[in-house]
Each structure stands twice: as structure tokens, then as C-alpha cells.
Amino acid sequence: MFLVRRPDRDAIDRFLRESRDLPLSYDPPGIVRAESARRGIVEAKVAVGHGPRDFERARAALLAWRQFDIGWIETFPKGAPVEAGSVVAVLIQHLGFWSLNGCRVVYCVGSREEGASFGFAYGTLTNHAEAGEELFEVFIDPRTEEVMYRIRATSWPRATLALVGHPIVRALQARFRRDSATAMRLAIGRPLPIS
């Protein structure tokens, strides 16, 4: 849904209620899992910390949706449960207007309590401008003990405006991957690298 101004809380709550029973806008769920051979998958992997303590902070950050603490994108409801079936609204401010997009958590990977990896994927609902899936994952590299943050995603336009503005959509998605990695570094208390 594209909007000329930021929606108020009542409009966002209504959008969430209307999204709960909508189907995914693609099939099958799981199209961005590591073993998938699907074309068009974009992956960004970045070190956000080091060692078990930073990994625990990174896992907690994912569970709190902190990868979206970037200023121009928000998720609702705040603190939505990271479990299959949870529905979220993603509010994006871009180029002078707003979009509100429905997503559902479709699966989790790793463990939320133990182990050296954790993540989850959400898929787009039929009220999203794009169709596709995005996986957010943190893990410890067994060789270096670096805490890695990975985003794997694939999408294609559904709304006319997304189709017409496809190059801009791709640029915003690349910006999100960069900003999301920065948000994860900040969430676990790591300084940003100097460029």
C-alpha cells in the first residue's frame, strides 16, 4: 500500500488486522534457504562482532527485530514474536512517500536458546508491493569466531509502482542491507568500521 503521508497508529493496526489471514504472495516458502538453487537470490554477509558473548547479543537483537532500527524502515507490532505465523507490517519511507507492506514469519533456522546459529525468514503477503522472501541470520564462523550477520533475499515486483520503479527498488534494497548490518553492529555494542 503506497501512501502520501505516514499512516497513524490506527491505520497501521487496521492494516495488521487485515493482513493476518492473507496468503503469501509467492510459493513455496523456503526459497532463500542456503541449499536453494533459485536464481535471483541476493546475499550480504558481514562481521558484526566476535565470540560467544557478541553472538548472544546478536541473537537477542534478531529476536527484537533490531536489524530494522535504521530510521527509514519500521516494523509493527514492536517486539512481534519471532515464530512461524507471526504477521508484521513493514513501514518504509522513500522518495517523499510511504509504503506499508505485510509479511509473515515463515520459518526459523538454528536455535533461539543454544548453538552457534539463529535466524528467521519472512515472506511477503498479497498486500506487499513485492513478492519474495528474506532470511535474517546470525552465526559464529567456526574458524575465526567472528559473529556474522547474513541476509539472503529474493523478490520481484507485484505493484505497478514497484515494477515501474524497479531500479529504485533495487537501490533501496541494497541500502537496507547496508543499514541493517550497521544496526546489528550497534545493537550488540560494536563500533562501526572506519571507511
N, C-alpha and C. Protein backbone atom coordinates (compact mmCIF):
# COMPACT_ATOMS: atom_id res chain seq x y z
N MET A 1 0.84 -1.15 0.00
CA MET A 1 0.00 0.00 0.00
C MET A 1 0.90 1.23 0.00
N PHE A 2 0.73 2.11 -0.98
CA PHE A 2 1.51 3.34 -1.07
C PHE A 2 0.69 4.49 -0.51
N LEU A 3 1.36 5.38 0.25
CA LEU A 3 0.67 6.46 0.95
C LEU A 3 1.44 7.77 0.78
N VAL A 4 0.72 8.89 0.74
CA VAL A 4 1.38 10.18 0.59
C VAL A 4 1.89 10.72 1.92
N ARG A 5 1.39 10.20 3.04
CA ARG A 5 1.88 10.61 4.35
C ARG A 5 1.99 9.40 5.26
N ARG A 6 2.73 9.56 6.32
CA ARG A 6 2.91 8.47 7.27
C ARG A 6 1.56 8.08 7.87
N PRO A 7 1.22 6.79 7.87
CA PRO A 7 -0.05 6.37 8.47
C PRO A 7 0.02 6.49 9.99
N ASP A 8 -1.13 6.79 10.60
CA ASP A 8 -1.17 6.86 12.06
C ASP A 8 -1.28 5.44 12.63
N ARG A 9 -1.20 5.34 13.93
CA ARG A 9 -1.19 4.04 14.59
C ARG A 9 -2.47 3.24 14.31
N ASP A 10 -3.62 3.91 14.26
CA ASP A 10 -4.88 3.22 13.98
C ASP A 10 -4.85 2.59 12.58
N ALA A 11 -4.32 3.31 11.61
CA ALA A 11 -4.24 2.78 10.24
C ALA A 11 -3.30 1.58 10.18
N ILE A 12 -2.19 1.65 10.91
CA ILE A 12 -1.24 0.53 10.94
C ILE A 12 -1.88 -0.68 11.62
N ASP A 13 -2.58 -0.46 12.73
CA ASP A 13 -3.26 -1.57 13.42
C ASP A 13 -4.31 -2.21 12.52
N ARG A 14 -5.07 -1.39 11.79
CA ARG A 14 -6.08 -1.91 10.86
C ARG A 14 -5.41 -2.74 9.76
N PHE A 15 -4.29 -2.23 9.23
CA PHE A 15 -3.54 -2.95 8.20
C PHE A 15 -3.08 -4.32 8.72
N LEU A 16 -2.59 -4.34 9.96
CA LEU A 16 -2.16 -5.60 10.56
C LEU A 16 -3.32 -6.58 10.71
N ARG A 17 -4.46 -6.10 11.18
CA ARG A 17 -5.63 -6.98 11.33
C ARG A 17 -6.04 -7.56 9.97
N GLU A 18 -6.03 -6.71 8.95
CA GLU A 18 -6.44 -7.15 7.61
C GLU A 18 -5.40 -8.09 6.98
N SER A 19 -4.18 -8.05 7.46
CA SER A 19 -3.10 -8.88 6.91
C SER A 19 -3.07 -10.29 7.49
N ARG A 20 -3.61 -10.49 8.66
CA ARG A 20 -3.45 -11.75 9.39
C ARG A 20 -3.81 -12.99 8.59
N ASP A 21 -4.89 -12.94 7.82
CA ASP A 21 -5.35 -14.12 7.10
C ASP A 21 -4.97 -14.12 5.62
N LEU A 22 -4.19 -13.15 5.19
CA LEU A 22 -3.79 -13.12 3.78
C LEU A 22 -2.78 -14.22 3.47
N PRO A 23 -2.81 -14.74 2.25
CA PRO A 23 -1.82 -15.75 1.87
C PRO A 23 -0.49 -15.09 1.50
N LEU A 24 0.54 -15.92 1.44
CA LEU A 24 1.82 -15.46 0.90
C LEU A 24 1.63 -15.12 -0.57
N SER A 25 2.44 -14.22 -1.07
CA SER A 25 2.33 -13.80 -2.47
C SER A 25 3.27 -14.58 -3.38
N TYR A 26 3.84 -15.67 -2.89
CA TYR A 26 4.78 -16.48 -3.66
C TYR A 26 4.68 -17.91 -3.14
N ASP A 27 5.31 -18.82 -3.87
CA ASP A 27 5.30 -20.22 -3.46
C ASP A 27 6.55 -20.88 -4.03
N PRO A 28 7.19 -21.74 -3.33
CA PRO A 28 6.92 -22.24 -1.99
C PRO A 28 7.73 -21.47 -0.96
N PRO A 29 7.30 -21.48 0.32
CA PRO A 29 8.14 -20.91 1.36
C PRO A 29 9.47 -21.68 1.43
N GLY A 30 10.52 -20.98 1.76
CA GLY A 30 11.84 -21.60 1.85
C GLY A 30 12.72 -21.35 0.65
N ILE A 31 12.32 -20.42 -0.23
CA ILE A 31 13.05 -20.22 -1.48
C ILE A 31 14.42 -19.57 -1.29
N VAL A 32 14.73 -19.05 -0.10
CA VAL A 32 16.06 -18.46 0.11
C VAL A 32 16.94 -19.28 1.03
N ARG A 33 16.50 -20.47 1.40
CA ARG A 33 17.36 -21.33 2.22
C ARG A 33 18.67 -21.57 1.49
N ALA A 34 19.73 -21.77 2.23
CA ALA A 34 21.08 -21.90 1.67
C ALA A 34 21.16 -22.94 0.57
N GLU A 35 20.41 -24.03 0.69
CA GLU A 35 20.51 -25.09 -0.31
C GLU A 35 19.68 -24.83 -1.56
N SER A 36 18.95 -23.73 -1.58
CA SER A 36 18.11 -23.41 -2.73
C SER A 36 18.97 -23.05 -3.94
N ALA A 37 18.54 -23.50 -5.09
CA ALA A 37 19.26 -23.19 -6.33
C ALA A 37 18.56 -22.08 -7.11
N ARG A 38 17.58 -21.43 -6.51
CA ARG A 38 16.81 -20.40 -7.19
C ARG A 38 17.72 -19.25 -7.64
N ARG A 39 17.47 -18.78 -8.83
CA ARG A 39 18.20 -17.62 -9.34
C ARG A 39 17.65 -16.34 -8.73
N GLY A 40 18.45 -15.30 -8.76
CA GLY A 40 18.00 -14.01 -8.26
C GLY A 40 18.10 -13.84 -6.76
N ILE A 41 18.80 -14.74 -6.10
CA ILE A 41 18.99 -14.58 -4.66
C ILE A 41 20.16 -13.64 -4.42
N VAL A 42 19.93 -12.67 -3.58
CA VAL A 42 20.96 -11.71 -3.19
C VAL A 42 21.38 -12.06 -1.77
N GLU A 43 22.68 -12.07 -1.53
CA GLU A 43 23.17 -12.38 -0.19
C GLU A 43 24.18 -11.33 0.24
N ALA A 44 24.03 -10.87 1.46
CA ALA A 44 25.01 -9.98 2.09
C ALA A 44 25.41 -10.63 3.40
N LYS A 45 26.72 -10.72 3.63
CA LYS A 45 27.24 -11.34 4.85
C LYS A 45 28.31 -10.42 5.40
N VAL A 46 28.17 -10.06 6.68
CA VAL A 46 29.07 -9.08 7.27
C VAL A 46 29.40 -9.46 8.71
N ALA A 47 30.62 -9.23 9.13
CA ALA A 47 31.01 -9.47 10.52
C ALA A 47 30.45 -8.33 11.38
N VAL A 48 29.78 -8.72 12.47
CA VAL A 48 29.20 -7.71 13.37
C VAL A 48 29.76 -7.80 14.78
N GLY A 49 30.59 -8.80 15.04
CA GLY A 49 31.15 -8.97 16.37
C GLY A 49 32.10 -10.15 16.41
N HIS A 50 32.48 -10.54 17.63
CA HIS A 50 33.44 -11.64 17.79
C HIS A 50 33.15 -12.39 19.08
N GLY A 51 33.07 -13.71 18.98
CA GLY A 51 32.95 -14.55 20.15
C GLY A 51 31.52 -14.81 20.62
N PRO A 52 31.39 -15.74 21.56
CA PRO A 52 30.07 -16.17 22.05
C PRO A 52 29.22 -15.05 22.66
N ARG A 53 29.87 -14.14 23.36
CA ARG A 53 29.10 -13.06 24.00
C ARG A 53 28.44 -12.16 22.96
N ASP A 54 29.20 -11.79 21.93
CA ASP A 54 28.62 -10.98 20.85
C ASP A 54 27.55 -11.77 20.10
N PHE A 55 27.76 -13.08 19.95
CA PHE A 55 26.74 -13.88 19.28
C PHE A 55 25.42 -13.86 20.07
N GLU A 56 25.50 -13.99 21.37
CA GLU A 56 24.27 -13.95 22.18
C GLU A 56 23.56 -12.61 22.02
N ARG A 57 24.34 -11.54 21.98
CA ARG A 57 23.74 -10.21 21.76
C ARG A 57 23.11 -10.12 20.37
N ALA A 58 23.78 -10.69 19.37
CA ALA A 58 23.25 -10.66 18.00
C ALA A 58 21.95 -11.46 17.90
N ARG A 59 21.92 -12.62 18.55
CA ARG A 59 20.69 -13.43 18.55
C ARG A 59 19.55 -12.65 19.22
N ALA A 60 19.85 -12.03 20.37
CA ALA A 60 18.83 -11.23 21.06
C ALA A 60 18.36 -10.06 20.18
N ALA A 61 19.29 -9.47 19.43
CA ALA A 61 18.93 -8.36 18.54
C ALA A 61 17.97 -8.82 17.45
N LEU A 62 18.23 -9.99 16.87
CA LEU A 62 17.30 -10.51 15.86
C LEU A 62 15.94 -10.78 16.46
N LEU A 63 15.91 -11.36 17.65
CA LEU A 63 14.63 -11.66 18.30
C LEU A 63 13.84 -10.39 18.60
N ALA A 64 14.53 -9.27 18.73
CA ALA A 64 13.88 -7.98 18.99
C ALA A 64 13.70 -7.15 17.71
N TRP A 65 13.99 -7.73 16.55
CA TRP A 65 13.84 -7.05 15.25
C TRP A 65 14.74 -5.82 15.16
N ARG A 66 15.88 -5.82 15.83
CA ARG A 66 16.76 -4.65 15.84
C ARG A 66 17.41 -4.39 14.50
N GLN A 67 17.44 -5.37 13.60
CA GLN A 67 18.01 -5.16 12.26
C GLN A 67 17.22 -4.13 11.46
N PHE A 68 16.04 -3.77 11.97
CA PHE A 68 15.22 -2.74 11.31
C PHE A 68 15.35 -1.38 11.98
N ASP A 69 16.20 -1.22 12.97
CA ASP A 69 16.39 0.07 13.64
C ASP A 69 17.28 0.97 12.80
N ILE A 70 16.74 1.41 11.67
CA ILE A 70 17.57 2.16 10.72
C ILE A 70 17.00 3.53 10.36
N GLY A 71 15.87 3.89 10.96
CA GLY A 71 15.35 5.24 10.75
C GLY A 71 14.32 5.38 9.66
N TRP A 72 14.52 4.78 8.52
CA TRP A 72 13.58 4.95 7.40
C TRP A 72 12.70 3.72 7.17
N ILE A 73 12.88 2.68 7.98
CA ILE A 73 12.03 1.49 7.95
C ILE A 73 11.68 1.12 9.39
N GLU A 74 10.43 0.73 9.60
CA GLU A 74 9.99 0.28 10.92
C GLU A 74 9.13 -0.97 10.75
N THR A 75 9.10 -1.80 11.79
CA THR A 75 8.20 -2.95 11.79
C THR A 75 7.17 -2.78 12.90
N PHE A 76 5.99 -3.30 12.65
CA PHE A 76 4.89 -3.28 13.61
C PHE A 76 4.25 -4.66 13.63
N PRO A 77 3.79 -5.14 14.77
CA PRO A 77 3.91 -4.52 16.08
C PRO A 77 5.34 -4.59 16.58
N LYS A 78 5.70 -3.65 17.42
CA LYS A 78 7.03 -3.67 18.04
C LYS A 78 7.16 -4.94 18.87
N GLY A 79 8.28 -5.60 18.75
CA GLY A 79 8.51 -6.81 19.53
C GLY A 79 7.65 -7.99 19.12
N ALA A 80 7.26 -8.05 17.85
CA ALA A 80 6.47 -9.19 17.37
C ALA A 80 7.22 -10.49 17.64
N PRO A 81 6.51 -11.55 18.01
CA PRO A 81 7.20 -12.82 18.27
C PRO A 81 7.88 -13.34 17.00
N VAL A 82 9.10 -13.82 17.16
CA VAL A 82 9.82 -14.41 16.02
C VAL A 82 9.49 -15.90 16.02
N GLU A 83 8.37 -16.21 15.40
CA GLU A 83 7.92 -17.60 15.28
C GLU A 83 7.06 -17.70 14.04
N ALA A 84 7.07 -18.87 13.43
CA ALA A 84 6.30 -19.09 12.21
C ALA A 84 4.85 -18.69 12.44
N GLY A 85 4.33 -17.91 11.51
CA GLY A 85 2.95 -17.45 11.57
C GLY A 85 2.79 -16.01 12.03
N SER A 86 3.80 -15.42 12.69
CA SER A 86 3.70 -14.03 13.12
C SER A 86 3.61 -13.10 11.91
N VAL A 87 2.68 -12.17 11.97
CA VAL A 87 2.50 -11.20 10.88
C VAL A 87 3.03 -9.85 11.33
N VAL A 88 3.78 -9.21 10.44
CA VAL A 88 4.31 -7.87 10.71
C VAL A 88 3.98 -6.96 9.54
N ALA A 89 3.88 -5.68 9.85
CA ALA A 89 3.76 -4.64 8.84
C ALA A 89 5.11 -3.94 8.77
N VAL A 90 5.62 -3.77 7.57
CA VAL A 90 6.88 -3.07 7.36
C VAL A 90 6.55 -1.72 6.74
N LEU A 91 6.86 -0.65 7.47
CA LEU A 91 6.59 0.71 7.02
C LEU A 91 7.89 1.30 6.50
N ILE A 92 7.86 1.78 5.26
CA ILE A 92 9.06 2.30 4.60
C ILE A 92 8.80 3.73 4.13
N GLN A 93 9.74 4.61 4.45
CA GLN A 93 9.70 5.98 3.93
C GLN A 93 10.69 6.07 2.79
N HIS A 94 10.21 6.46 1.62
CA HIS A 94 11.13 6.56 0.47
C HIS A 94 10.65 7.59 -0.53
N LEU A 95 11.57 8.39 -0.99
CA LEU A 95 11.33 9.36 -2.06
C LEU A 95 10.09 10.21 -1.86
N GLY A 96 9.85 10.66 -0.64
CA GLY A 96 8.74 11.55 -0.39
C GLY A 96 7.39 10.90 -0.14
N PHE A 97 7.32 9.59 -0.11
CA PHE A 97 6.07 8.93 0.22
C PHE A 97 6.37 7.71 1.07
N TRP A 98 5.32 7.00 1.48
CA TRP A 98 5.43 5.86 2.39
C TRP A 98 4.83 4.63 1.74
N SER A 99 5.30 3.47 2.17
CA SER A 99 4.61 2.23 1.79
C SER A 99 4.47 1.37 3.03
N LEU A 100 3.37 0.64 3.08
CA LEU A 100 3.07 -0.27 4.18
C LEU A 100 2.91 -1.64 3.55
N ASN A 101 3.68 -2.62 4.05
CA ASN A 101 3.77 -3.92 3.41
C ASN A 101 3.62 -5.04 4.43
N GLY A 102 2.81 -6.04 4.11
CA GLY A 102 2.57 -7.14 5.02
C GLY A 102 3.52 -8.30 4.79
N CYS A 103 4.02 -8.89 5.90
CA CYS A 103 4.93 -10.04 5.84
C CYS A 103 4.54 -11.03 6.94
N ARG A 104 4.90 -12.29 6.73
CA ARG A 104 4.67 -13.32 7.75
C ARG A 104 5.96 -14.09 7.96
N VAL A 105 6.31 -14.34 9.23
CA VAL A 105 7.46 -15.20 9.52
C VAL A 105 7.09 -16.60 9.04
N VAL A 106 7.94 -17.17 8.18
CA VAL A 106 7.61 -18.47 7.60
C VAL A 106 8.41 -19.62 8.20
N TYR A 107 9.60 -19.35 8.72
CA TYR A 107 10.38 -20.39 9.39
C TYR A 107 11.54 -19.77 10.15
N CYS A 108 12.07 -20.55 11.09
CA CYS A 108 13.28 -20.18 11.83
C CYS A 108 14.37 -21.19 11.50
N VAL A 109 15.61 -20.76 11.63
CA VAL A 109 16.76 -21.66 11.46
C VAL A 109 17.61 -21.58 12.71
N GLY A 110 18.26 -22.67 13.07
CA GLY A 110 19.07 -22.69 14.29
C GLY A 110 18.19 -22.66 15.52
N SER A 111 18.80 -22.28 16.63
CA SER A 111 18.10 -22.30 17.91
C SER A 111 18.08 -20.92 18.54
N ARG A 112 16.95 -20.57 19.15
CA ARG A 112 16.86 -19.29 19.83
C ARG A 112 17.50 -19.32 21.21
N GLU A 113 17.84 -20.53 21.73
CA GLU A 113 18.43 -20.63 23.07
C GLU A 113 19.87 -21.12 23.10
N GLU A 114 20.27 -21.95 22.15
CA GLU A 114 21.62 -22.54 22.20
C GLU A 114 22.17 -22.69 20.80
N GLY A 115 23.39 -23.19 20.71
CA GLY A 115 24.01 -23.39 19.41
C GLY A 115 24.71 -22.14 18.92
N ALA A 116 25.22 -22.23 17.70
CA ALA A 116 26.04 -21.15 17.15
C ALA A 116 25.41 -20.51 15.92
N SER A 117 24.08 -20.69 15.75
CA SER A 117 23.39 -20.01 14.66
C SER A 117 21.92 -19.83 15.01
N PHE A 118 21.36 -18.75 14.50
CA PHE A 118 19.93 -18.49 14.66
C PHE A 118 19.50 -17.53 13.58
N GLY A 119 18.29 -17.71 13.12
CA GLY A 119 17.72 -16.77 12.15
C GLY A 119 16.28 -17.08 11.86
N PHE A 120 15.69 -16.24 11.05
CA PHE A 120 14.32 -16.45 10.62
C PHE A 120 14.11 -15.80 9.26
N ALA A 121 13.11 -16.30 8.57
CA ALA A 121 12.74 -15.73 7.27
C ALA A 121 11.32 -15.24 7.34
N TYR A 122 11.07 -14.15 6.65
CA TYR A 122 9.68 -13.76 6.46
C TYR A 122 9.39 -13.69 4.98
N GLY A 123 8.12 -13.94 4.67
CA GLY A 123 7.66 -13.91 3.29
C GLY A 123 6.63 -12.82 3.11
N THR A 124 6.53 -12.33 1.90
CA THR A 124 5.59 -11.26 1.59
C THR A 124 4.16 -11.79 1.49
N LEU A 125 3.24 -10.98 1.93
CA LEU A 125 1.81 -11.28 1.79
C LEU A 125 1.29 -10.59 0.53
N THR A 126 0.04 -10.85 0.19
CA THR A 126 -0.52 -10.31 -1.06
C THR A 126 -0.76 -8.80 -1.00
N ASN A 127 -0.57 -8.17 0.15
CA ASN A 127 -0.69 -6.71 0.23
C ASN A 127 0.69 -6.03 0.26
N HIS A 128 1.70 -6.73 -0.18
CA HIS A 128 3.07 -6.21 -0.25
C HIS A 128 3.35 -5.78 -1.69
N ALA A 129 4.13 -4.71 -1.86
CA ALA A 129 4.45 -4.22 -3.21
C ALA A 129 5.33 -5.18 -3.99
N GLU A 130 6.07 -6.04 -3.28
CA GLU A 130 6.94 -7.03 -3.90
C GLU A 130 6.46 -8.42 -3.50
N ALA A 131 6.96 -9.43 -4.18
CA ALA A 131 6.73 -10.82 -3.79
C ALA A 131 8.10 -11.42 -3.53
N GLY A 132 8.23 -12.19 -2.45
CA GLY A 132 9.51 -12.84 -2.18
C GLY A 132 9.71 -13.14 -0.71
N GLU A 133 10.95 -13.48 -0.40
CA GLU A 133 11.29 -13.95 0.94
C GLU A 133 12.65 -13.38 1.34
N GLU A 134 12.81 -13.15 2.66
CA GLU A 134 14.07 -12.61 3.18
C GLU A 134 14.43 -13.36 4.45
N LEU A 135 15.69 -13.81 4.52
CA LEU A 135 16.21 -14.53 5.66
C LEU A 135 17.22 -13.66 6.39
N PHE A 136 17.06 -13.54 7.71
CA PHE A 136 17.98 -12.82 8.57
C PHE A 136 18.60 -13.85 9.49
N GLU A 137 19.94 -13.92 9.51
CA GLU A 137 20.60 -14.97 10.28
C GLU A 137 21.89 -14.46 10.90
N VAL A 138 22.17 -14.92 12.11
CA VAL A 138 23.46 -14.67 12.75
C VAL A 138 24.09 -16.01 13.09
N PHE A 139 25.41 -16.09 12.97
CA PHE A 139 26.12 -17.33 13.28
C PHE A 139 27.57 -17.00 13.60
N ILE A 140 28.22 -17.94 14.28
CA ILE A 140 29.65 -17.79 14.57
C ILE A 140 30.43 -18.58 13.53
N ASP A 141 31.38 -17.92 12.90
CA ASP A 141 32.28 -18.61 11.96
C ASP A 141 33.17 -19.53 12.81
N PRO A 142 33.13 -20.84 12.57
CA PRO A 142 33.87 -21.77 13.42
C PRO A 142 35.40 -21.60 13.35
N ARG A 143 35.90 -21.03 12.26
CA ARG A 143 37.36 -20.85 12.12
C ARG A 143 37.86 -19.61 12.83
N THR A 144 37.11 -18.51 12.73
CA THR A 144 37.61 -17.23 13.23
C THR A 144 36.89 -16.73 14.48
N GLU A 145 35.76 -17.34 14.82
CA GLU A 145 34.88 -16.91 15.90
C GLU A 145 34.25 -15.54 15.65
N GLU A 146 34.32 -15.07 14.41
CA GLU A 146 33.61 -13.83 14.08
C GLU A 146 32.12 -14.12 14.08
N VAL A 147 31.36 -13.16 14.59
CA VAL A 147 29.90 -13.24 14.53
C VAL A 147 29.47 -12.61 13.21
N MET A 148 28.82 -13.42 12.40
CA MET A 148 28.41 -12.99 11.07
C MET A 148 26.90 -12.74 11.04
N TYR A 149 26.52 -11.71 10.31
CA TYR A 149 25.12 -11.40 10.06
C TYR A 149 24.90 -11.57 8.57
N ARG A 150 23.89 -12.38 8.23
CA ARG A 150 23.63 -12.66 6.82
C ARG A 150 22.18 -12.35 6.49
N ILE A 151 22.00 -11.72 5.34
CA ILE A 151 20.67 -11.53 4.74
C ILE A 151 20.69 -12.24 3.40
N ARG A 152 19.73 -13.12 3.18
CA ARG A 152 19.52 -13.75 1.87
C ARG A 152 18.10 -13.40 1.44
N ALA A 153 17.97 -12.90 0.22
CA ALA A 153 16.64 -12.45 -0.21
C ALA A 153 16.45 -12.65 -1.71
N THR A 154 15.21 -12.80 -2.06
CA THR A 154 14.81 -12.76 -3.46
C THR A 154 13.45 -12.10 -3.52
N SER A 155 13.23 -11.29 -4.54
CA SER A 155 11.93 -10.63 -4.69
C SER A 155 11.75 -10.18 -6.12
N TRP A 156 10.50 -9.92 -6.44
CA TRP A 156 10.14 -9.41 -7.75
C TRP A 156 8.92 -8.51 -7.56
N PRO A 157 8.73 -7.52 -8.45
CA PRO A 157 7.65 -6.55 -8.27
C PRO A 157 6.26 -7.17 -8.41
N ARG A 158 5.33 -6.69 -7.58
CA ARG A 158 3.91 -7.04 -7.70
C ARG A 158 3.09 -5.80 -8.04
N ALA A 159 3.35 -4.70 -7.35
CA ALA A 159 2.60 -3.46 -7.59
C ALA A 159 3.17 -2.74 -8.81
N THR A 160 2.32 -2.03 -9.50
CA THR A 160 2.73 -1.30 -10.70
C THR A 160 3.86 -0.32 -10.40
N LEU A 161 3.72 0.41 -9.29
CA LEU A 161 4.76 1.39 -8.92
C LEU A 161 6.10 0.70 -8.66
N ALA A 162 6.07 -0.48 -8.06
CA ALA A 162 7.31 -1.23 -7.82
C ALA A 162 7.91 -1.72 -9.14
N LEU A 163 7.07 -2.06 -10.09
CA LEU A 163 7.55 -2.51 -11.40
C LEU A 163 8.17 -1.35 -12.17
N VAL A 164 7.48 -0.23 -12.21
CA VAL A 164 7.99 0.94 -12.92
C VAL A 164 9.27 1.46 -12.27
N GLY A 165 9.31 1.43 -10.95
CA GLY A 165 10.48 1.93 -10.22
C GLY A 165 11.46 0.85 -9.84
N HIS A 166 11.52 -0.24 -10.60
CA HIS A 166 12.35 -1.40 -10.25
C HIS A 166 13.81 -1.05 -9.93
N PRO A 167 14.49 -0.22 -10.72
CA PRO A 167 15.88 0.13 -10.35
C PRO A 167 15.97 0.86 -9.00
N ILE A 168 14.98 1.69 -8.69
CA ILE A 168 14.98 2.39 -7.41
C ILE A 168 14.73 1.40 -6.28
N VAL A 169 13.81 0.46 -6.51
CA VAL A 169 13.53 -0.57 -5.51
C VAL A 169 14.81 -1.35 -5.19
N ARG A 170 15.55 -1.74 -6.22
CA ARG A 170 16.79 -2.49 -6.00
C ARG A 170 17.81 -1.66 -5.23
N ALA A 171 17.90 -0.37 -5.53
CA ALA A 171 18.83 0.50 -4.80
C ALA A 171 18.42 0.62 -3.32
N LEU A 172 17.12 0.72 -3.06
CA LEU A 172 16.64 0.79 -1.67
C LEU A 172 16.90 -0.53 -0.94
N GLN A 173 16.76 -1.65 -1.63
CA GLN A 173 17.05 -2.94 -1.01
C GLN A 173 18.53 -3.05 -0.65
N ALA A 174 19.41 -2.58 -1.53
CA ALA A 174 20.85 -2.60 -1.24
C ALA A 174 21.16 -1.67 -0.05
N ARG A 175 20.50 -0.52 -0.03
CA ARG A 175 20.68 0.40 1.11
C ARG A 175 20.21 -0.26 2.41
N PHE A 176 19.08 -0.98 2.35
CA PHE A 176 18.59 -1.67 3.55
C PHE A 176 19.62 -2.67 4.05
N ARG A 177 20.23 -3.45 3.16
CA ARG A 177 21.22 -4.45 3.60
C ARG A 177 22.39 -3.77 4.33
N ARG A 178 22.86 -2.66 3.80
CA ARG A 178 23.97 -1.93 4.45
C ARG A 178 23.53 -1.36 5.80
N ASP A 179 22.40 -0.68 5.81
CA ASP A 179 21.91 -0.05 7.04
C ASP A 179 21.56 -1.08 8.10
N SER A 180 21.04 -2.22 7.67
CA SER A 180 20.67 -3.29 8.60
C SER A 180 21.92 -3.86 9.29
N ALA A 181 22.99 -4.03 8.53
CA ALA A 181 24.25 -4.51 9.12
C ALA A 181 24.77 -3.50 10.15
N THR A 182 24.66 -2.23 9.85
CA THR A 182 25.07 -1.19 10.79
C THR A 182 24.22 -1.26 12.06
N ALA A 183 22.91 -1.45 11.89
CA ALA A 183 22.01 -1.56 13.05
C ALA A 183 22.38 -2.75 13.92
N MET A 184 22.76 -3.86 13.30
CA MET A 184 23.15 -5.04 14.07
C MET A 184 24.45 -4.79 14.84
N ARG A 185 25.41 -4.13 14.22
CA ARG A 185 26.65 -3.80 14.94
C ARG A 185 26.36 -2.94 16.16
N LEU A 186 25.51 -1.94 15.95
CA LEU A 186 25.17 -1.04 17.06
C LEU A 186 24.38 -1.77 18.13
N ALA A 187 23.51 -2.71 17.72
CA ALA A 187 22.68 -3.44 18.69
C ALA A 187 23.52 -4.29 19.64
N ILE A 188 24.67 -4.77 19.16
CA ILE A 188 25.49 -5.60 20.04
C ILE A 188 26.64 -4.81 20.67
N GLY A 189 26.64 -3.47 20.41
CA GLY A 189 27.61 -2.61 21.08
C GLY A 189 28.98 -2.60 20.43
N ARG A 190 29.04 -2.91 19.15
CA ARG A 190 30.32 -2.88 18.43
C ARG A 190 30.45 -1.58 17.66
N PRO A 191 31.63 -0.98 17.66
CA PRO A 191 31.83 0.25 16.89
C PRO A 191 31.77 -0.05 15.39
N LEU A 192 31.44 0.97 14.65
CA LEU A 192 31.39 0.83 13.19
C LEU A 192 32.80 0.85 12.64
N PRO A 193 33.07 0.07 11.58
CA PRO A 193 34.39 0.12 10.98
C PRO A 193 34.64 1.48 10.33
N ILE A 194 35.88 1.91 10.33
CA ILE A 194 36.24 3.20 9.70
C ILE A 194 36.46 2.93 8.22
N SER A 195 35.81 3.74 7.39
CA SER A 195 35.92 3.57 5.93
C SER A 195 37.07 4.36 5.38
